Amino acid sequence: MELSPSQKTSIRYQFEVFCKKVIRGERCDYLRQVLRRAEQEVSFSDMPFDTLLRIGMSDDYPSSHYVFETQGHQISIADERLGEALSQIESAGRNLLLLAYFLNLNDQEIGALLGIPRSTIQRRR
């Protein structure tokens, strides 16, 4: 049984109306889902910095650190420029800087540890 051209046109229009209803429904479902997600999500730019530090992760590999040893202490430095600068300083001066600035020892404590007068430590530093 062959459909007449007017019947074919009628069926095409009915199908078109049905498709538009389905698409409109899908659009509404999508917008509801986006709104629901927006209520639960927070943009990283809106988060406090301390929260970002807690949830964030940083890759830190010991092989990329400069490790210096002085007076039985191993001091690891992650900053490449600082590590390179310290490695270019002579051993005695480097040890003095490491003890003073990384182990927070004062001149008198460093002098006692190295067996050098405090005034010499102060002058070298």
PDB file of N, CA and C in Angstrom:
ATOM      1  N   MET A   1       0.836  -1.160   0.000  1.00  0.00           N
ATOM      2  CA  MET A   1       0.000   0.000   0.000  1.00  0.00           C
ATOM      3  C   MET A   1       0.895   1.241   0.000  1.00  0.00           C
ATOM      4  N   GLU A   2       0.723   2.004  -1.000  1.00  0.00           N
ATOM      5  CA  GLU A   2       1.526   3.204  -1.248  1.00  0.00           C
ATOM      6  C   GLU A   2       0.842   4.404  -0.599  1.00  0.00           C
ATOM      7  N   LEU A   3       1.662   5.267   0.102  1.00  0.00           N
ATOM      8  CA  LEU A   3       1.127   6.468   0.731  1.00  0.00           C
ATOM      9  C   LEU A   3       1.055   7.600  -0.296  1.00  0.00           C
ATOM     10  N   SER A   4       0.052   8.399  -0.145  1.00  0.00           N
ATOM     11  CA  SER A   4      -0.092   9.531  -1.052  1.00  0.00           C
ATOM     12  C   SER A   4       0.907  10.618  -0.633  1.00  0.00           C
ATOM     13  N   PRO A   5       1.232  11.546  -1.536  1.00  0.00           N
ATOM     14  CA  PRO A   5       2.167  12.619  -1.199  1.00  0.00           C
ATOM     15  C   PRO A   5       1.711  13.444   0.004  1.00  0.00           C
ATOM     16  N   SER A   6       0.437  13.665   0.186  1.00  0.00           N
ATOM     17  CA  SER A   6      -0.032  14.443   1.329  1.00  0.00           C
ATOM     18  C   SER A   6       0.138  13.667   2.631  1.00  0.00           C
ATOM     19  N   GLN A   7      -0.019  12.335   2.570  1.00  0.00           N
ATOM     20  CA  GLN A   7       0.191  11.506   3.749  1.00  0.00           C
ATOM     21  C   GLN A   7       1.684  11.486   4.142  1.00  0.00           C
ATOM     22  N   LYS A   8       2.534  11.392   3.117  1.00  0.00           N
ATOM     23  CA  LYS A   8       3.983  11.423   3.370  1.00  0.00           C
ATOM     24  C   LYS A   8       4.389  12.745   4.017  1.00  0.00           C
ATOM     25  N   THR A   9       3.819  13.846   3.524  1.00  0.00           N
ATOM     26  CA  THR A   9       4.113  15.166   4.078  1.00  0.00           C
ATOM     27  C   THR A   9       3.619  15.247   5.520  1.00  0.00           C
ATOM     28  N   SER A  10       2.434  14.719   5.783  1.00  0.00           N
ATOM     29  CA  SER A  10       1.862  14.735   7.121  1.00  0.00           C
ATOM     30  C   SER A  10       2.745  13.936   8.092  1.00  0.00           C
ATOM     31  N   ILE A  11       3.186  12.757   7.651  1.00  0.00           N
ATOM     32  CA  ILE A  11       4.057  11.922   8.494  1.00  0.00           C
ATOM     33  C   ILE A  11       5.383  12.638   8.748  1.00  0.00           C
ATOM     34  N   ARG A  12       5.942  13.266   7.740  1.00  0.00           N
ATOM     35  CA  ARG A  12       7.206  13.999   7.887  1.00  0.00           C
ATOM     36  C   ARG A  12       7.041  15.128   8.911  1.00  0.00           C
ATOM     37  N   TYR A  13       5.925  15.870   8.852  1.00  0.00           N
ATOM     38  CA  TYR A  13       5.690  16.953   9.798  1.00  0.00           C
ATOM     39  C   TYR A  13       5.512  16.411  11.228  1.00  0.00           C
ATOM     40  N   GLN A  14       4.793  15.316  11.349  1.00  0.00           N
ATOM     41  CA  GLN A  14       4.605  14.704  12.663  1.00  0.00           C
ATOM     42  C   GLN A  14       5.957  14.260  13.249  1.00  0.00           C
ATOM     43  N   PHE A  15       6.794  13.650  12.417  1.00  0.00           N
ATOM     44  CA  PHE A  15       8.111  13.215  12.861  1.00  0.00           C
ATOM     45  C   PHE A  15       8.972  14.418  13.258  1.00  0.00           C
ATOM     46  N   GLU A  16       8.866  15.484  12.475  1.00  0.00           N
ATOM     47  CA  GLU A  16       9.631  16.704  12.774  1.00  0.00           C
ATOM     48  C   GLU A  16       9.197  17.286  14.117  1.00  0.00           C
ATOM     49  N   VAL A  17       7.914  17.326  14.396  1.00  0.00           N
ATOM     50  CA  VAL A  17       7.396  17.822  15.664  1.00  0.00           C
ATOM     51  C   VAL A  17       7.887  16.937  16.803  1.00  0.00           C
ATOM     52  N   PHE A  18       7.847  15.617  16.603  1.00  0.00           N
ATOM     53  CA  PHE A  18       8.320  14.680  17.616  1.00  0.00           C
ATOM     54  C   PHE A  18       9.805  14.910  17.910  1.00  0.00           C
ATOM     55  N   CYS A  19      10.626  15.076  16.880  1.00  0.00           N
ATOM     56  CA  CYS A  19      12.070  15.305  17.052  1.00  0.00           C
ATOM     57  C   CYS A  19      12.326  16.602  17.816  1.00  0.00           C
ATOM     58  N   LYS A  20      11.567  17.644  17.495  1.00  0.00           N
ATOM     59  CA  LYS A  20      11.746  18.920  18.191  1.00  0.00           C
ATOM     60  C   LYS A  20      11.403  18.788  19.673  1.00  0.00           C
ATOM     61  N   LYS A  21      10.360  18.007  20.020  1.00  0.00           N
ATOM     62  CA  LYS A  21       9.997  17.788  21.414  1.00  0.00           C
ATOM     63  C   LYS A  21      11.109  17.036  22.149  1.00  0.00           C
ATOM     64  N   VAL A  22      11.655  16.029  21.499  1.00  0.00           N
ATOM     65  CA  VAL A  22      12.727  15.245  22.112  1.00  0.00           C
ATOM     66  C   VAL A  22      13.957  16.124  22.345  1.00  0.00           C
ATOM     67  N   ILE A  23      14.315  16.911  21.353  1.00  0.00           N
ATOM     68  CA  ILE A  23      15.487  17.789  21.467  1.00  0.00           C
ATOM     69  C   ILE A  23      15.255  18.827  22.562  1.00  0.00           C
ATOM     70  N   ARG A  24      14.065  19.393  22.636  1.00  0.00           N
ATOM     71  CA  ARG A  24      13.743  20.378  23.671  1.00  0.00           C
ATOM     72  C   ARG A  24      13.836  19.745  25.063  1.00  0.00           C
ATOM     73  N   GLY A  25      13.335  18.517  25.193  1.00  0.00           N
ATOM     74  CA  GLY A  25      13.424  17.806  26.479  1.00  0.00           C
ATOM     75  C   GLY A  25      14.875  17.527  26.869  1.00  0.00           C
ATOM     76  N   GLU A  26      15.674  17.105  25.909  1.00  0.00           N
ATOM     77  CA  GLU A  26      17.094  16.842  26.172  1.00  0.00           C
ATOM     78  C   GLU A  26      17.816  18.122  26.580  1.00  0.00           C
ATOM     79  N   ARG A  27      17.454  19.209  25.939  1.00  0.00           N
ATOM     80  CA  ARG A  27      18.057  20.508  26.274  1.00  0.00           C
ATOM     81  C   ARG A  27      17.727  20.893  27.705  1.00  0.00           C
ATOM     82  N   CYS A  28      16.478  20.713  28.116  1.00  0.00           N
ATOM     83  CA  CYS A  28      16.068  21.033  29.488  1.00  0.00           C
ATOM     84  C   CYS A  28      16.802  20.145  30.487  1.00  0.00           C
ATOM     85  N   ASP A  29      16.927  18.846  30.187  1.00  0.00           N
ATOM     86  CA  ASP A  29      17.655  17.937  31.067  1.00  0.00           C
ATOM     87  C   ASP A  29      19.115  18.365  31.186  1.00  0.00           C
ATOM     88  N   TYR A  30      19.714  18.744  30.086  1.00  0.00           N
ATOM     89  CA  TYR A  30      21.115  19.174  30.093  1.00  0.00           C
ATOM     90  C   TYR A  30      21.301  20.441  30.930  1.00  0.00           C
ATOM     91  N   LEU A  31      20.405  21.417  30.757  1.00  0.00           N
ATOM     92  CA  LEU A  31      20.515  22.657  31.531  1.00  0.00           C
ATOM     93  C   LEU A  31      20.309  22.410  33.024  1.00  0.00           C
ATOM     94  N   ARG A  32      19.377  21.509  33.379  1.00  0.00           N
ATOM     95  CA  ARG A  32      19.183  21.154  34.786  1.00  0.00           C
ATOM     96  C   ARG A  32      20.454  20.522  35.353  1.00  0.00           C
ATOM     97  N   GLN A  33      21.064  19.646  34.571  1.00  0.00           N
ATOM     98  CA  GLN A  33      22.297  18.983  35.002  1.00  0.00           C
ATOM     99  C   GLN A  33      23.430  19.999  35.178  1.00  0.00           C
ATOM    100  N   VAL A  34      23.546  20.943  34.261  1.00  0.00           N
ATOM    101  CA  VAL A  34      24.584  21.976  34.369  1.00  0.00           C
ATOM    102  C   VAL A  34      24.353  22.831  35.610  1.00  0.00           C
ATOM    103  N   LEU A  35      23.127  23.221  35.887  1.00  0.00           N
ATOM    104  CA  LEU A  35      22.817  24.022  37.070  1.00  0.00           C
ATOM    105  C   LEU A  35      23.095  23.245  38.354  1.00  0.00           C
ATOM    106  N   ARG A  36      22.739  21.965  38.381  1.00  0.00           N
ATOM    107  CA  ARG A  36      22.995  21.142  39.559  1.00  0.00           C
ATOM    108  C   ARG A  36      24.498  21.001  39.799  1.00  0.00           C
ATOM    109  N   ARG A  37      25.256  20.805  38.727  1.00  0.00           N
ATOM    110  CA  ARG A  37      26.711  20.691  38.838  1.00  0.00           C
ATOM    111  C   ARG A  37      27.325  22.020  39.289  1.00  0.00           C
ATOM    112  N   ALA A  38      26.796  23.135  38.786  1.00  0.00           N
ATOM    113  CA  ALA A  38      27.326  24.456  39.156  1.00  0.00           C
ATOM    114  C   ALA A  38      27.114  24.741  40.641  1.00  0.00           C
ATOM    115  N   GLU A  39      26.045  24.214  41.229  1.00  0.00           N
ATOM    116  CA  GLU A  39      25.807  24.398  42.663  1.00  0.00           C
ATOM    117  C   GLU A  39      26.832  23.637  43.498  1.00  0.00           C
ATOM    118  N   GLN A  40      27.331  22.538  42.990  1.00  0.00           N
ATOM    119  CA  GLN A  40      28.259  21.693  43.743  1.00  0.00           C
ATOM    120  C   GLN A  40      29.722  22.022  43.465  1.00  0.00           C
ATOM    121  N   GLU A  41      30.026  22.591  42.331  1.00  0.00           N
ATOM    122  CA  GLU A  41      31.405  22.857  41.950  1.00  0.00           C
ATOM    123  C   GLU A  41      31.840  24.258  42.361  1.00  0.00           C
ATOM    124  N   VAL A  42      33.138  24.373  42.645  1.00  0.00           N
ATOM    125  CA  VAL A  42      33.728  25.663  42.975  1.00  0.00           C
ATOM    126  C   VAL A  42      34.928  25.852  42.056  1.00  0.00           C
ATOM    127  N   SER A  43      35.044  27.006  41.480  1.00  0.00           N
ATOM    128  CA  SER A  43      36.163  27.297  40.599  1.00  0.00           C
ATOM    129  C   SER A  43      37.443  27.404  41.415  1.00  0.00           C
ATOM    130  N   PHE A  44      38.552  26.947  40.853  1.00  0.00           N
ATOM    131  CA  PHE A  44      39.834  27.042  41.538  1.00  0.00           C
ATOM    132  C   PHE A  44      40.185  28.497  41.855  1.00  0.00           C
ATOM    133  N   SER A  45      39.814  29.403  40.983  1.00  0.00           N
ATOM    134  CA  SER A  45      40.140  30.810  41.209  1.00  0.00           C
ATOM    135  C   SER A  45      39.344  31.398  42.382  1.00  0.00           C
ATOM    136  N   ASP A  46      38.230  30.759  42.760  1.00  0.00           N
ATOM    137  CA  ASP A  46      37.423  31.239  43.879  1.00  0.00           C
ATOM    138  C   ASP A  46      37.834  30.622  45.213  1.00  0.00           C
ATOM    139  N   MET A  47      38.718  29.622  45.175  1.00  0.00           N
ATOM    140  CA  MET A  47      39.123  28.935  46.400  1.00  0.00           C
ATOM    141  C   MET A  47      40.205  29.723  47.130  1.00  0.00           C
ATOM    142  N   PRO A  48      40.207  29.675  48.465  1.00  0.00           N
ATOM    143  CA  PRO A  48      41.282  30.311  49.229  1.00  0.00           C
ATOM    144  C   PRO A  48      42.617  29.615  48.943  1.00  0.00           C
ATOM    145  N   PHE A  49      43.695  30.369  49.037  1.00  0.00           N
ATOM    146  CA  PHE A  49      45.018  29.849  48.691  1.00  0.00           C
ATOM    147  C   PHE A  49      45.420  28.680  49.580  1.00  0.00           C
ATOM    148  N   ASP A  50      45.112  28.737  50.875  1.00  0.00           N
ATOM    149  CA  ASP A  50      45.501  27.647  51.771  1.00  0.00           C
ATOM    150  C   ASP A  50      44.768  26.355  51.430  1.00  0.00           C
ATOM    151  N   THR A  51      43.549  26.450  50.934  1.00  0.00           N
ATOM    152  CA  THR A  51      42.820  25.260  50.491  1.00  0.00           C
ATOM    153  C   THR A  51      43.483  24.669  49.266  1.00  0.00           C
ATOM    154  N   LEU A  52      43.910  25.507  48.344  1.00  0.00           N
ATOM    155  CA  LEU A  52      44.601  25.018  47.157  1.00  0.00           C
ATOM    156  C   LEU A  52      45.893  24.308  47.526  1.00  0.00           C
ATOM    157  N   LEU A  53      46.594  24.818  48.537  1.00  0.00           N
ATOM    158  CA  LEU A  53      47.828  24.167  48.971  1.00  0.00           C
ATOM    159  C   LEU A  53      47.549  22.793  49.568  1.00  0.00           C
ATOM    160  N   ARG A  54      46.432  22.650  50.279  1.00  0.00           N
ATOM    161  CA  ARG A  54      46.099  21.363  50.888  1.00  0.00           C
ATOM    162  C   ARG A  54      45.694  20.331  49.855  1.00  0.00           C
ATOM    163  N   ILE A  55      44.953  20.741  48.821  1.00  0.00           N
ATOM    164  CA  ILE A  55      44.476  19.762  47.848  1.00  0.00           C
ATOM    165  C   ILE A  55      45.445  19.570  46.691  1.00  0.00           C
ATOM    166  N   GLY A  56      46.378  20.497  46.553  1.00  0.00           N
ATOM    167  CA  GLY A  56      47.319  20.406  45.451  1.00  0.00           C
ATOM    168  C   GLY A  56      48.442  19.436  45.747  1.00  0.00           C
ATOM    169  N   MET A  57      49.165  19.096  44.710  1.00  0.00           N
ATOM    170  CA  MET A  57      50.285  18.182  44.863  1.00  0.00           C
ATOM    171  C   MET A  57      51.434  18.691  44.016  1.00  0.00           C
ATOM    172  N   SER A  58      52.592  18.557  44.549  1.00  0.00           N
ATOM    173  CA  SER A  58      53.773  18.994  43.828  1.00  0.00           C
ATOM    174  C   SER A  58      54.734  17.828  43.718  1.00  0.00           C
ATOM    175  N   ASP A  59      55.224  17.589  42.536  1.00  0.00           N
ATOM    176  CA  ASP A  59      56.223  16.545  42.353  1.00  0.00           C
ATOM    177  C   ASP A  59      57.568  17.075  42.795  1.00  0.00           C
ATOM    178  N   ASP A  60      58.174  16.370  43.710  1.00  0.00           N
ATOM    179  CA  ASP A  60      59.448  16.799  44.247  1.00  0.00           C
ATOM    180  C   ASP A  60      60.363  15.580  44.279  1.00  0.00           C
ATOM    181  N   TYR A  61      61.336  15.567  43.405  1.00  0.00           N
ATOM    182  CA  TYR A  61      62.221  14.429  43.307  1.00  0.00           C
ATOM    183  C   TYR A  61      63.561  14.754  43.947  1.00  0.00           C
ATOM    184  N   PRO A  62      64.022  13.916  44.877  1.00  0.00           N
ATOM    185  CA  PRO A  62      65.303  14.179  45.538  1.00  0.00           C
ATOM    186  C   PRO A  62      66.476  14.263  44.561  1.00  0.00           C
ATOM    187  N   SER A  63      66.372  13.624  43.433  1.00  0.00           N
ATOM    188  CA  SER A  63      67.480  13.667  42.469  1.00  0.00           C
ATOM    189  C   SER A  63      67.649  15.052  41.860  1.00  0.00           C
ATOM    190  N   SER A  64      66.618  15.884  41.932  1.00  0.00           N
ATOM    191  CA  SER A  64      66.719  17.228  41.372  1.00  0.00           C
ATOM    192  C   SER A  64      67.205  18.236  42.412  1.00  0.00           C
ATOM    193  N   HIS A  65      67.510  17.785  43.631  1.00  0.00           N
ATOM    194  CA  HIS A  65      67.990  18.663  44.700  1.00  0.00           C
ATOM    195  C   HIS A  65      69.514  18.673  44.724  1.00  0.00           C
ATOM    196  N   TYR A  66      70.026  19.751  45.236  1.00  0.00           N
ATOM    197  CA  TYR A  66      71.457  19.825  45.542  1.00  0.00           C
ATOM    198  C   TYR A  66      71.591  19.418  47.008  1.00  0.00           C
ATOM    199  N   VAL A  67      72.433  18.457  47.289  1.00  0.00           N
ATOM    200  CA  VAL A  67      72.619  17.982  48.660  1.00  0.00           C
ATOM    201  C   VAL A  67      74.040  18.320  49.084  1.00  0.00           C
ATOM    202  N   PHE A  68      74.134  19.057  50.196  1.00  0.00           N
ATOM    203  CA  PHE A  68      75.431  19.439  50.755  1.00  0.00           C
ATOM    204  C   PHE A  68      75.540  18.824  52.141  1.00  0.00           C
ATOM    205  N   GLU A  69      76.732  18.378  52.485  1.00  0.00           N
ATOM    206  CA  GLU A  69      76.950  17.805  53.802  1.00  0.00           C
ATOM    207  C   GLU A  69      77.949  18.668  54.547  1.00  0.00           C
ATOM    208  N   THR A  70      77.584  19.015  55.774  1.00  0.00           N
ATOM    209  CA  THR A  70      78.471  19.814  56.605  1.00  0.00           C
ATOM    210  C   THR A  70      78.287  19.425  58.063  1.00  0.00           C
ATOM    211  N   GLN A  71      79.352  19.132  58.727  1.00  0.00           N
ATOM    212  CA  GLN A  71      79.364  18.804  60.156  1.00  0.00           C
ATOM    213  C   GLN A  71      78.344  17.721  60.501  1.00  0.00           C
ATOM    214  N   GLY A  72      78.215  16.704  59.661  1.00  0.00           N
ATOM    215  CA  GLY A  72      77.305  15.591  59.920  1.00  0.00           C
ATOM    216  C   GLY A  72      75.853  15.854  59.565  1.00  0.00           C
ATOM    217  N   HIS A  73      75.563  17.000  58.989  1.00  0.00           N
ATOM    218  CA  HIS A  73      74.192  17.341  58.580  1.00  0.00           C
ATOM    219  C   HIS A  73      74.118  17.340  57.056  1.00  0.00           C
ATOM    220  N   GLN A  74      73.064  16.739  56.544  1.00  0.00           N
ATOM    221  CA  GLN A  74      72.820  16.798  55.100  1.00  0.00           C
ATOM    222  C   GLN A  74      71.762  17.869  54.856  1.00  0.00           C
ATOM    223  N   ILE A  75      72.101  18.806  53.985  1.00  0.00           N
ATOM    224  CA  ILE A  75      71.195  19.902  53.678  1.00  0.00           C
ATOM    225  C   ILE A  75      70.808  19.786  52.212  1.00  0.00           C
ATOM    226  N   SER A  76      69.508  19.646  51.970  1.00  0.00           N
ATOM    227  CA  SER A  76      68.989  19.487  50.624  1.00  0.00           C
ATOM    228  C   SER A  76      68.398  20.814  50.157  1.00  0.00           C
ATOM    229  N   ILE A  77      68.804  21.260  48.978  1.00  0.00           N
ATOM    230  CA  ILE A  77      68.331  22.536  48.432  1.00  0.00           C
ATOM    231  C   ILE A  77      67.644  22.260  47.104  1.00  0.00           C
ATOM    232  N   ALA A  78      66.369  22.636  47.019  1.00  0.00           N
ATOM    233  CA  ALA A  78      65.578  22.368  45.820  1.00  0.00           C
ATOM    234  C   ALA A  78      65.755  23.461  44.765  1.00  0.00           C
ATOM    235  N   ASP A  79      66.035  24.679  45.181  1.00  0.00           N
ATOM    236  CA  ASP A  79      66.170  25.786  44.244  1.00  0.00           C
ATOM    237  C   ASP A  79      67.450  25.619  43.419  1.00  0.00           C
ATOM    238  N   GLU A  80      67.276  25.528  42.117  1.00  0.00           N
ATOM    239  CA  GLU A  80      68.411  25.243  41.231  1.00  0.00           C
ATOM    240  C   GLU A  80      69.443  26.365  41.234  1.00  0.00           C
ATOM    241  N   ARG A  81      69.000  27.604  41.186  1.00  0.00           N
ATOM    242  CA  ARG A  81      69.952  28.729  41.153  1.00  0.00           C
ATOM    243  C   ARG A  81      70.759  28.819  42.440  1.00  0.00           C
ATOM    244  N   LEU A  82      70.087  28.642  43.574  1.00  0.00           N
ATOM    245  CA  LEU A  82      70.779  28.697  44.854  1.00  0.00           C
ATOM    246  C   LEU A  82      71.743  27.530  44.998  1.00  0.00           C
ATOM    247  N   GLY A  83      71.317  26.343  44.610  1.00  0.00           N
ATOM    248  CA  GLY A  83      72.180  25.169  44.688  1.00  0.00           C
ATOM    249  C   GLY A  83      73.410  25.318  43.814  1.00  0.00           C
ATOM    250  N   GLU A  84      73.218  25.844  42.613  1.00  0.00           N
ATOM    251  CA  GLU A  84      74.350  26.057  41.697  1.00  0.00           C
ATOM    252  C   GLU A  84      75.306  27.107  42.252  1.00  0.00           C
ATOM    253  N   ALA A  85      74.756  28.171  42.832  1.00  0.00           N
ATOM    254  CA  ALA A  85      75.605  29.221  43.403  1.00  0.00           C
ATOM    255  C   ALA A  85      76.402  28.687  44.586  1.00  0.00           C
ATOM    256  N   LEU A  86      75.762  27.906  45.440  1.00  0.00           N
ATOM    257  CA  LEU A  86      76.469  27.342  46.595  1.00  0.00           C
ATOM    258  C   LEU A  86      77.538  26.336  46.171  1.00  0.00           C
ATOM    259  N   SER A  87      77.281  25.595  45.112  1.00  0.00           N
ATOM    260  CA  SER A  87      78.273  24.607  44.672  1.00  0.00           C
ATOM    261  C   SER A  87      79.518  25.272  44.086  1.00  0.00           C
ATOM    262  N   GLN A  88      79.423  26.530  43.685  1.00  0.00           N
ATOM    263  CA  GLN A  88      80.573  27.231  43.132  1.00  0.00           C
ATOM    264  C   GLN A  88      81.421  27.912  44.203  1.00  0.00           C
ATOM    265  N   ILE A  89      80.930  27.968  45.430  1.00  0.00           N
ATOM    266  CA  ILE A  89      81.679  28.582  46.535  1.00  0.00           C
ATOM    267  C   ILE A  89      82.618  27.532  47.115  1.00  0.00           C
ATOM    268  N   GLU A  90      83.779  27.980  47.560  1.00  0.00           N
ATOM    269  CA  GLU A  90      84.742  27.058  48.178  1.00  0.00           C
ATOM    270  C   GLU A  90      84.094  26.368  49.375  1.00  0.00           C
ATOM    271  N   SER A  91      84.620  25.211  49.731  1.00  0.00           N
ATOM    272  CA  SER A  91      84.025  24.355  50.754  1.00  0.00           C
ATOM    273  C   SER A  91      83.885  25.051  52.110  1.00  0.00           C
ATOM    274  N   ALA A  92      84.911  25.743  52.564  1.00  0.00           N
ATOM    275  CA  ALA A  92      84.862  26.389  53.879  1.00  0.00           C
ATOM    276  C   ALA A  92      83.789  27.473  53.923  1.00  0.00           C
ATOM    277  N   GLY A  93      83.717  28.295  52.905  1.00  0.00           N
ATOM    278  CA  GLY A  93      82.705  29.352  52.848  1.00  0.00           C
ATOM    279  C   GLY A  93      81.310  28.787  52.732  1.00  0.00           C
ATOM    280  N   ARG A  94      81.168  27.731  51.942  1.00  0.00           N
ATOM    281  CA  ARG A  94      79.859  27.094  51.770  1.00  0.00           C
ATOM    282  C   ARG A  94      79.386  26.508  53.101  1.00  0.00           C
ATOM    283  N   ASN A  95      80.279  25.827  53.813  1.00  0.00           N
ATOM    284  CA  ASN A  95      79.912  25.244  55.104  1.00  0.00           C
ATOM    285  C   ASN A  95      79.457  26.317  56.078  1.00  0.00           C
ATOM    286  N   LEU A  96      80.152  27.425  56.080  1.00  0.00           N
ATOM    287  CA  LEU A  96      79.804  28.537  56.952  1.00  0.00           C
ATOM    288  C   LEU A  96      78.391  29.052  56.636  1.00  0.00           C
ATOM    289  N   LEU A  97      78.096  29.243  55.351  1.00  0.00           N
ATOM    290  CA  LEU A  97      76.772  29.726  54.938  1.00  0.00           C
ATOM    291  C   LEU A  97      75.671  28.707  55.264  1.00  0.00           C
ATOM    292  N   LEU A  98      75.962  27.442  55.037  1.00  0.00           N
ATOM    293  CA  LEU A  98      74.972  26.407  55.328  1.00  0.00           C
ATOM    294  C   LEU A  98      74.649  26.349  56.817  1.00  0.00           C
ATOM    295  N   LEU A  99      75.690  26.433  57.643  1.00  0.00           N
ATOM    296  CA  LEU A  99      75.470  26.400  59.091  1.00  0.00           C
ATOM    297  C   LEU A  99      74.691  27.629  59.562  1.00  0.00           C
ATOM    298  N   ALA A 100      75.022  28.778  59.013  1.00  0.00           N
ATOM    299  CA  ALA A 100      74.390  30.020  59.463  1.00  0.00           C
ATOM    300  C   ALA A 100      72.949  30.155  58.967  1.00  0.00           C
ATOM    301  N   TYR A 101      72.717  29.895  57.694  1.00  0.00           N
ATOM    302  CA  TYR A 101      71.410  30.220  57.112  1.00  0.00           C
ATOM    303  C   TYR A 101      70.456  29.036  56.987  1.00  0.00           C
ATOM    304  N   PHE A 102      70.988  27.822  56.996  1.00  0.00           N
ATOM    305  CA  PHE A 102      70.095  26.676  56.860  1.00  0.00           C
ATOM    306  C   PHE A 102      69.905  25.930  58.178  1.00  0.00           C
ATOM    307  N   LEU A 103      70.908  25.964  59.038  1.00  0.00           N
ATOM    308  CA  LEU A 103      70.774  25.343  60.353  1.00  0.00           C
ATOM    309  C   LEU A 103      70.538  26.372  61.455  1.00  0.00           C
ATOM    310  N   ASN A 104      70.498  27.644  61.082  1.00  0.00           N
ATOM    311  CA  ASN A 104      70.188  28.762  61.996  1.00  0.00           C
ATOM    312  C   ASN A 104      71.098  28.803  63.222  1.00  0.00           C
ATOM    313  N   LEU A 105      72.379  28.566  63.000  1.00  0.00           N
ATOM    314  CA  LEU A 105      73.347  28.673  64.091  1.00  0.00           C
ATOM    315  C   LEU A 105      73.914  30.083  64.101  1.00  0.00           C
ATOM    316  N   ASN A 106      74.170  30.608  65.313  1.00  0.00           N
ATOM    317  CA  ASN A 106      74.767  31.943  65.378  1.00  0.00           C
ATOM    318  C   ASN A 106      76.293  31.823  65.261  1.00  0.00           C
ATOM    319  N   ASP A 107      76.973  32.951  65.177  1.00  0.00           N
ATOM    320  CA  ASP A 107      78.424  32.962  64.947  1.00  0.00           C
ATOM    321  C   ASP A 107      79.179  32.244  66.056  1.00  0.00           C
ATOM    322  N   GLN A 108      78.734  32.403  67.270  1.00  0.00           N
ATOM    323  CA  GLN A 108      79.415  31.771  68.401  1.00  0.00           C
ATOM    324  C   GLN A 108      79.287  30.244  68.322  1.00  0.00           C
ATOM    325  N   GLU A 109      78.096  29.749  67.977  1.00  0.00           N
ATOM    326  CA  GLU A 109      77.886  28.303  67.855  1.00  0.00           C
ATOM    327  C   GLU A 109      78.694  27.727  66.698  1.00  0.00           C
ATOM    328  N   ILE A 110      78.741  28.448  65.586  1.00  0.00           N
ATOM    329  CA  ILE A 110      79.523  27.994  64.439  1.00  0.00           C
ATOM    330  C   ILE A 110      81.006  27.988  64.790  1.00  0.00           C
ATOM    331  N   GLY A 111      81.453  29.018  65.477  1.00  0.00           N
ATOM    332  CA  GLY A 111      82.854  29.083  65.890  1.00  0.00           C
ATOM    333  C   GLY A 111      83.223  27.924  66.785  1.00  0.00           C
ATOM    334  N   ALA A 112      82.360  27.597  67.737  1.00  0.00           N
ATOM    335  CA  ALA A 112      82.626  26.471  68.633  1.00  0.00           C
ATOM    336  C   ALA A 112      82.634  25.155  67.865  1.00  0.00           C
ATOM    337  N   LEU A 113      81.755  25.022  66.898  1.00  0.00           N
ATOM    338  CA  LEU A 113      81.662  23.796  66.106  1.00  0.00           C
ATOM    339  C   LEU A 113      82.877  23.609  65.208  1.00  0.00           C
ATOM    340  N   LEU A 114      83.368  24.694  64.629  1.00  0.00           N
ATOM    341  CA  LEU A 114      84.499  24.622  63.701  1.00  0.00           C
ATOM    342  C   LEU A 114      85.842  24.869  64.379  1.00  0.00           C
ATOM    343  N   GLY A 115      85.817  25.305  65.633  1.00  0.00           N
ATOM    344  CA  GLY A 115      87.057  25.602  66.338  1.00  0.00           C
ATOM    345  C   GLY A 115      87.723  26.876  65.840  1.00  0.00           C
ATOM    346  N   ILE A 116      86.917  27.853  65.462  1.00  0.00           N
ATOM    347  CA  ILE A 116      87.401  29.128  64.931  1.00  0.00           C
ATOM    348  C   ILE A 116      86.794  30.237  65.798  1.00  0.00           C
ATOM    349  N   PRO A 117      87.521  31.325  66.034  1.00  0.00           N
ATOM    350  CA  PRO A 117      86.953  32.427  66.829  1.00  0.00           C
ATOM    351  C   PRO A 117      85.702  33.024  66.167  1.00  0.00           C
ATOM    352  N   ARG A 118      84.798  33.522  66.998  1.00  0.00           N
ATOM    353  CA  ARG A 118      83.545  34.100  66.519  1.00  0.00           C
ATOM    354  C   ARG A 118      83.780  35.257  65.564  1.00  0.00           C
ATOM    355  N   SER A 119      84.779  36.085  65.842  1.00  0.00           N
ATOM    356  CA  SER A 119      85.047  37.244  64.985  1.00  0.00           C
ATOM    357  C   SER A 119      85.454  36.801  63.573  1.00  0.00           C
ATOM    358  N   THR A 120      86.172  35.697  63.464  1.00  0.00           N
ATOM    359  CA  THR A 120      86.556  35.174  62.147  1.00  0.00           C
ATOM    360  C   THR A 120      85.335  34.705  61.386  1.00  0.00           C
ATOM    361  N   ILE A 121      84.424  34.050  62.086  1.00  0.00           N
ATOM    362  CA  ILE A 121      83.182  33.576  61.454  1.00  0.00           C
ATOM    363  C   ILE A 121      82.387  34.776  60.941  1.00  0.00           C
ATOM    364  N   GLN A 122      82.290  35.812  61.763  1.00  0.00           N
ATOM    365  CA  GLN A 122      81.533  37.003  61.405  1.00  0.00           C
ATOM    366  C   GLN A 122      82.143  37.660  60.171  1.00  0.00           C
ATOM    367  N   ARG A 123      83.454  37.749  60.130  1.00  0.00           N
ATOM    368  CA  ARG A 123      84.139  38.399  58.999  1.00  0.00           C
ATOM    369  C   ARG A 123      83.956  37.561  57.719  1.00  0.00           C
ATOM    370  N   ARG A 124      84.091  36.259  57.804  1.00  0.00           N
ATOM    371  CA  ARG A 124      83.957  35.401  56.615  1.00  0.00           C
ATOM    372  C   ARG A 124      82.531  35.387  56.068  1.00  0.00           C
ATOM    373  N   ARG A 125      81.586  35.429  56.964  1.00  0.00           N
ATOM    374  CA  ARG A 125      80.195  35.397  56.519  1.00  0.00           C
ATOM    375  C   ARG A 125      79.853  36.704  55.846  1.00  0.00           C
TER     376      ARG A 125
END
